[in-house]
Amino acid sequence: MVLKAHYLTPALSFLVLFGTLLATSVSAENKNSFLGDDRLLAEEADDNGLEKTLEHNFSPDDRARLRKALADYARSTDPEHTQIELKRKAMQESIEKRFNECNKDNDDSLDREEATLCLPQIARHFSYVDVDEDGVITLEELQLAQAKLIERQKSAEARMEAQKIQDAETAIKEKSKAKENKQAANVRKRPS
């Protein structure tokens, strides 16, 4: 039951926000057209009424809040998002634990010697991790380095995916050209 209540909170907040936005955006004239004149409703539908309603009746701030509420709702109901958040939390806890284990002098920072003894991978990139160049690494700098690493990995994956897409497009174009050439050759071979 606790889990369901967790999922209902964003859903209810979304519905309340959407209802509030909708109620404030519908003028008295629009209310009358919704209630009585089917012809006006048909004309609005023909003119992409939904788009016009969203563009004209909601302020940019209201639209931004609505988008945020939708995104929050989607995140709360997406099991993959929950798994990702759990993995992030576990990774953060792991970083903190390793940092605290290596911090022998309890000064909330790691010098080169501590990093070399306990975190050799970090020691190799000490200058990169030490953002403020004070000769020690804090937990925040270590977390920032981890975030940068993840971002670089995502960028590399995105570049590889873009390359795959480009290769697939090229293969399709080449296949199409080969088919056209084959058809042109068949037309030339036919007796007239």
Protein backbone atom coordinates (compact mmCIF):
# COMPACT_ATOMS: atom_id res chain seq x y z
CA MET A 1 0.00 0.00 0.00
CA VAL A 2 2.82 2.39 0.75
CA LEU A 3 4.18 1.88 -2.75
CA LYS A 4 0.82 2.69 -4.35
CA ALA A 5 0.49 5.85 -2.27
CA HIS A 6 3.94 6.90 -3.50
CA TYR A 7 2.76 6.56 -7.10
CA LEU A 8 -0.52 8.33 -6.49
CA THR A 9 1.07 11.48 -5.15
CA PRO A 10 2.55 12.63 -8.49
CA ALA A 11 -0.57 11.48 -10.34
CA LEU A 12 -2.84 13.46 -8.05
CA SER A 13 -0.60 16.50 -8.17
CA PHE A 14 -0.63 16.28 -11.98
CA LEU A 15 -4.42 16.05 -12.08
CA VAL A 16 -4.83 18.95 -9.66
CA LEU A 17 -2.37 21.08 -11.64
CA PHE A 18 -3.98 20.20 -14.96
CA GLY A 19 -7.49 20.81 -13.60
CA THR A 20 -6.46 24.17 -12.19
CA LEU A 21 -4.81 25.21 -15.43
CA LEU A 22 -7.79 24.08 -17.46
CA ALA A 23 -10.31 25.79 -15.20
CA THR A 24 -8.47 29.09 -15.27
CA SER A 25 -7.91 29.00 -19.01
CA VAL A 26 -11.48 28.42 -20.14
CA SER A 27 -13.30 31.72 -20.50
CA ALA A 28 -17.05 32.19 -20.20
CA GLU A 29 -17.40 32.20 -24.01
CA ASN A 30 -15.54 28.94 -24.34
CA LYS A 31 -17.72 27.40 -21.61
CA ASN A 32 -20.84 28.29 -23.59
CA SER A 33 -19.39 26.85 -26.79
CA PHE A 34 -18.49 23.63 -24.98
CA LEU A 35 -22.00 23.33 -23.58
CA GLY A 36 -24.20 24.35 -26.44
CA ASP A 37 -22.78 24.98 -29.87
CA ASP A 38 -21.50 21.79 -31.54
CA ARG A 39 -20.64 23.71 -34.69
CA LEU A 40 -18.06 25.81 -32.85
CA LEU A 41 -16.55 22.66 -31.39
CA ALA A 42 -16.23 21.15 -34.88
CA GLU A 43 -14.55 24.31 -36.19
CA GLU A 44 -12.10 24.28 -33.28
CA ALA A 45 -11.30 20.62 -33.94
CA ASP A 46 -10.65 21.44 -37.59
CA ASP A 47 -8.21 24.18 -36.56
CA ASN A 48 -6.17 21.93 -34.29
CA GLY A 49 -8.12 23.11 -31.27
CA LEU A 50 -5.98 21.27 -28.79
CA GLU A 51 -2.82 22.98 -29.99
CA LYS A 52 -4.51 26.37 -29.93
CA THR A 53 -5.85 25.73 -26.46
CA LEU A 54 -2.41 24.84 -25.17
CA GLU A 55 -0.71 27.72 -26.99
CA HIS A 56 -3.20 30.50 -26.27
CA ASN A 57 -4.89 29.64 -22.99
CA PHE A 58 -1.87 28.51 -20.99
CA SER A 59 0.92 30.88 -20.17
CA PRO A 60 4.47 29.70 -20.80
CA ASP A 61 4.90 29.28 -17.04
CA ASP A 62 1.76 27.14 -16.83
CA ARG A 63 2.93 25.02 -19.76
CA ALA A 64 6.34 24.57 -18.12
CA ARG A 65 4.68 23.51 -14.85
CA LEU A 66 2.44 21.10 -16.75
CA ARG A 67 5.44 19.59 -18.58
CA LYS A 68 7.30 19.24 -15.28
CA ALA A 69 4.29 17.57 -13.65
CA LEU A 70 4.03 15.14 -16.57
CA ALA A 71 7.75 14.37 -16.41
CA ASP A 72 7.58 13.84 -12.63
CA TYR A 73 4.60 11.55 -13.05
CA ALA A 74 6.35 9.56 -15.79
CA ARG A 75 9.47 9.20 -13.66
CA SER A 76 7.49 8.02 -10.66
CA THR A 77 5.68 5.32 -12.63
CA ASP A 78 8.63 4.16 -14.73
CA PRO A 79 10.25 1.09 -13.13
CA GLU A 80 13.46 1.67 -15.10
CA HIS A 81 13.76 5.17 -13.64
CA THR A 82 13.36 3.74 -10.15
CA GLN A 83 16.10 1.21 -10.84
CA ILE A 84 18.38 3.92 -12.20
CA GLU A 85 17.80 6.06 -9.11
CA LEU A 86 18.57 3.10 -6.84
CA LYS A 87 21.79 2.42 -8.76
CA ARG A 88 22.80 6.09 -8.49
CA LYS A 89 22.16 6.09 -4.77
CA ALA A 90 24.18 2.88 -4.32
CA MET A 91 27.02 4.36 -6.39
CA GLN A 92 27.02 7.57 -4.29
CA GLU A 93 27.07 5.53 -1.09
CA SER A 94 29.94 3.44 -2.48
CA ILE A 95 31.93 6.59 -3.34
CA GLU A 96 31.34 8.01 0.13
CA LYS A 97 32.31 4.74 1.79
CA ARG A 98 35.54 4.38 -0.20
CA PHE A 99 36.39 8.04 0.37
CA ASN A 100 35.89 7.69 4.14
CA GLU A 101 37.93 4.47 4.23
CA CYS A 102 40.82 6.21 2.47
CA ASN A 103 40.66 9.36 4.59
CA LYS A 104 43.08 8.15 7.29
CA ASP A 105 43.64 11.53 8.93
CA ASN A 106 39.90 12.42 9.00
CA ASP A 107 40.39 15.86 7.45
CA ASP A 108 37.57 15.36 4.89
CA SER A 109 40.07 15.34 2.02
CA LEU A 110 42.52 12.98 0.35
CA ASP A 111 46.06 14.03 -0.43
CA ARG A 112 48.13 12.33 -3.13
CA GLU A 113 49.58 9.80 -0.70
CA GLU A 114 46.18 8.70 0.63
CA ALA A 115 44.81 8.47 -2.90
CA THR A 116 47.83 6.46 -4.10
CA LEU A 117 47.55 3.96 -1.25
CA CYS A 118 43.79 3.47 -1.39
CA LEU A 119 42.47 4.68 -4.77
CA PRO A 120 45.17 4.11 -7.38
CA GLN A 121 42.84 4.88 -10.30
CA ILE A 122 42.00 8.25 -8.76
CA ALA A 123 45.68 8.89 -7.95
CA ARG A 124 46.56 8.51 -11.65
CA HIS A 125 44.13 11.28 -12.48
CA PHE A 126 44.68 13.34 -9.34
CA SER A 127 45.15 16.66 -11.18
CA TYR A 128 41.94 16.10 -13.17
CA VAL A 129 39.93 15.29 -10.03
CA ASP A 130 41.44 18.13 -7.97
CA VAL A 131 39.31 20.84 -9.57
CA ASP A 132 40.30 23.68 -7.26
CA GLU A 133 43.99 22.69 -7.49
CA ASP A 134 44.58 22.85 -3.73
CA GLY A 135 46.52 19.58 -3.60
CA VAL A 136 43.73 17.55 -1.99
CA ILE A 137 40.57 15.86 -3.22
CA THR A 138 37.31 16.41 -1.38
CA LEU A 139 34.26 14.17 -1.55
CA GLU A 140 32.51 16.76 -3.74
CA GLU A 141 35.41 16.75 -6.21
CA LEU A 142 35.36 12.96 -6.30
CA GLN A 143 31.61 12.95 -6.95
CA LEU A 144 32.05 15.57 -9.67
CA ALA A 145 34.74 13.45 -11.34
CA GLN A 146 32.38 10.46 -11.25
CA ALA A 147 29.58 12.54 -12.80
CA LYS A 148 31.94 13.75 -15.55
CA LEU A 149 33.00 10.17 -16.26
CA ILE A 150 29.39 9.05 -16.58
CA GLU A 151 28.63 12.00 -18.86
CA ARG A 152 31.62 11.16 -21.09
CA GLN A 153 30.45 7.55 -21.28
CA LYS A 154 26.94 8.66 -22.26
CA SER A 155 28.38 10.98 -24.91
CA ALA A 156 30.52 8.18 -26.31
CA GLU A 157 27.50 5.88 -26.42
CA ALA A 158 25.45 8.59 -28.13
CA ARG A 159 28.20 9.09 -30.74
CA MET A 160 28.35 5.35 -31.38
CA GLU A 161 24.56 5.21 -31.72
CA ALA A 162 24.61 8.17 -34.11
CA GLN A 163 27.31 6.40 -36.15
CA LYS A 164 25.17 3.24 -36.29
CA ILE A 165 22.22 5.27 -37.51
CA GLN A 166 24.35 6.99 -40.13
CA ASP A 167 25.76 3.62 -41.26
CA ALA A 168 22.23 2.20 -41.52
CA GLU A 169 21.13 5.19 -43.60
CA THR A 170 24.14 4.77 -45.89
CA ALA A 171 23.42 1.05 -46.27
CA ILE A 172 19.79 1.76 -47.15
CA LYS A 173 20.79 4.39 -49.72
CA GLU A 174 23.36 2.04 -51.27
CA LYS A 175 20.81 -0.77 -51.39
CA SER A 176 18.32 1.57 -53.06
CA LYS A 177 20.90 2.70 -55.63
CA ALA A 178 21.85 -0.92 -56.35
CA LYS A 179 18.18 -1.75 -56.86
CA GLU A 180 17.74 1.22 -59.21
CA ASN A 181 20.85 0.21 -61.17
CA LYS A 182 19.58 -3.36 -61.45
CA GLN A 183 16.20 -2.13 -62.68
CA ALA A 184 17.89 0.17 -65.21
CA ALA A 185 20.04 -2.73 -66.44
CA ASN A 186 16.94 -4.93 -66.82
CA VAL A 187 15.20 -2.25 -68.87
CA ARG A 188 18.21 -2.06 -71.24
CA LYS A 189 18.32 -5.86 -71.67
CA ARG A 190 14.69 -6.16 -72.79
CA PRO A 191 14.25 -6.48 -76.55
CA SER A 192 12.34 -3.66 -78.19
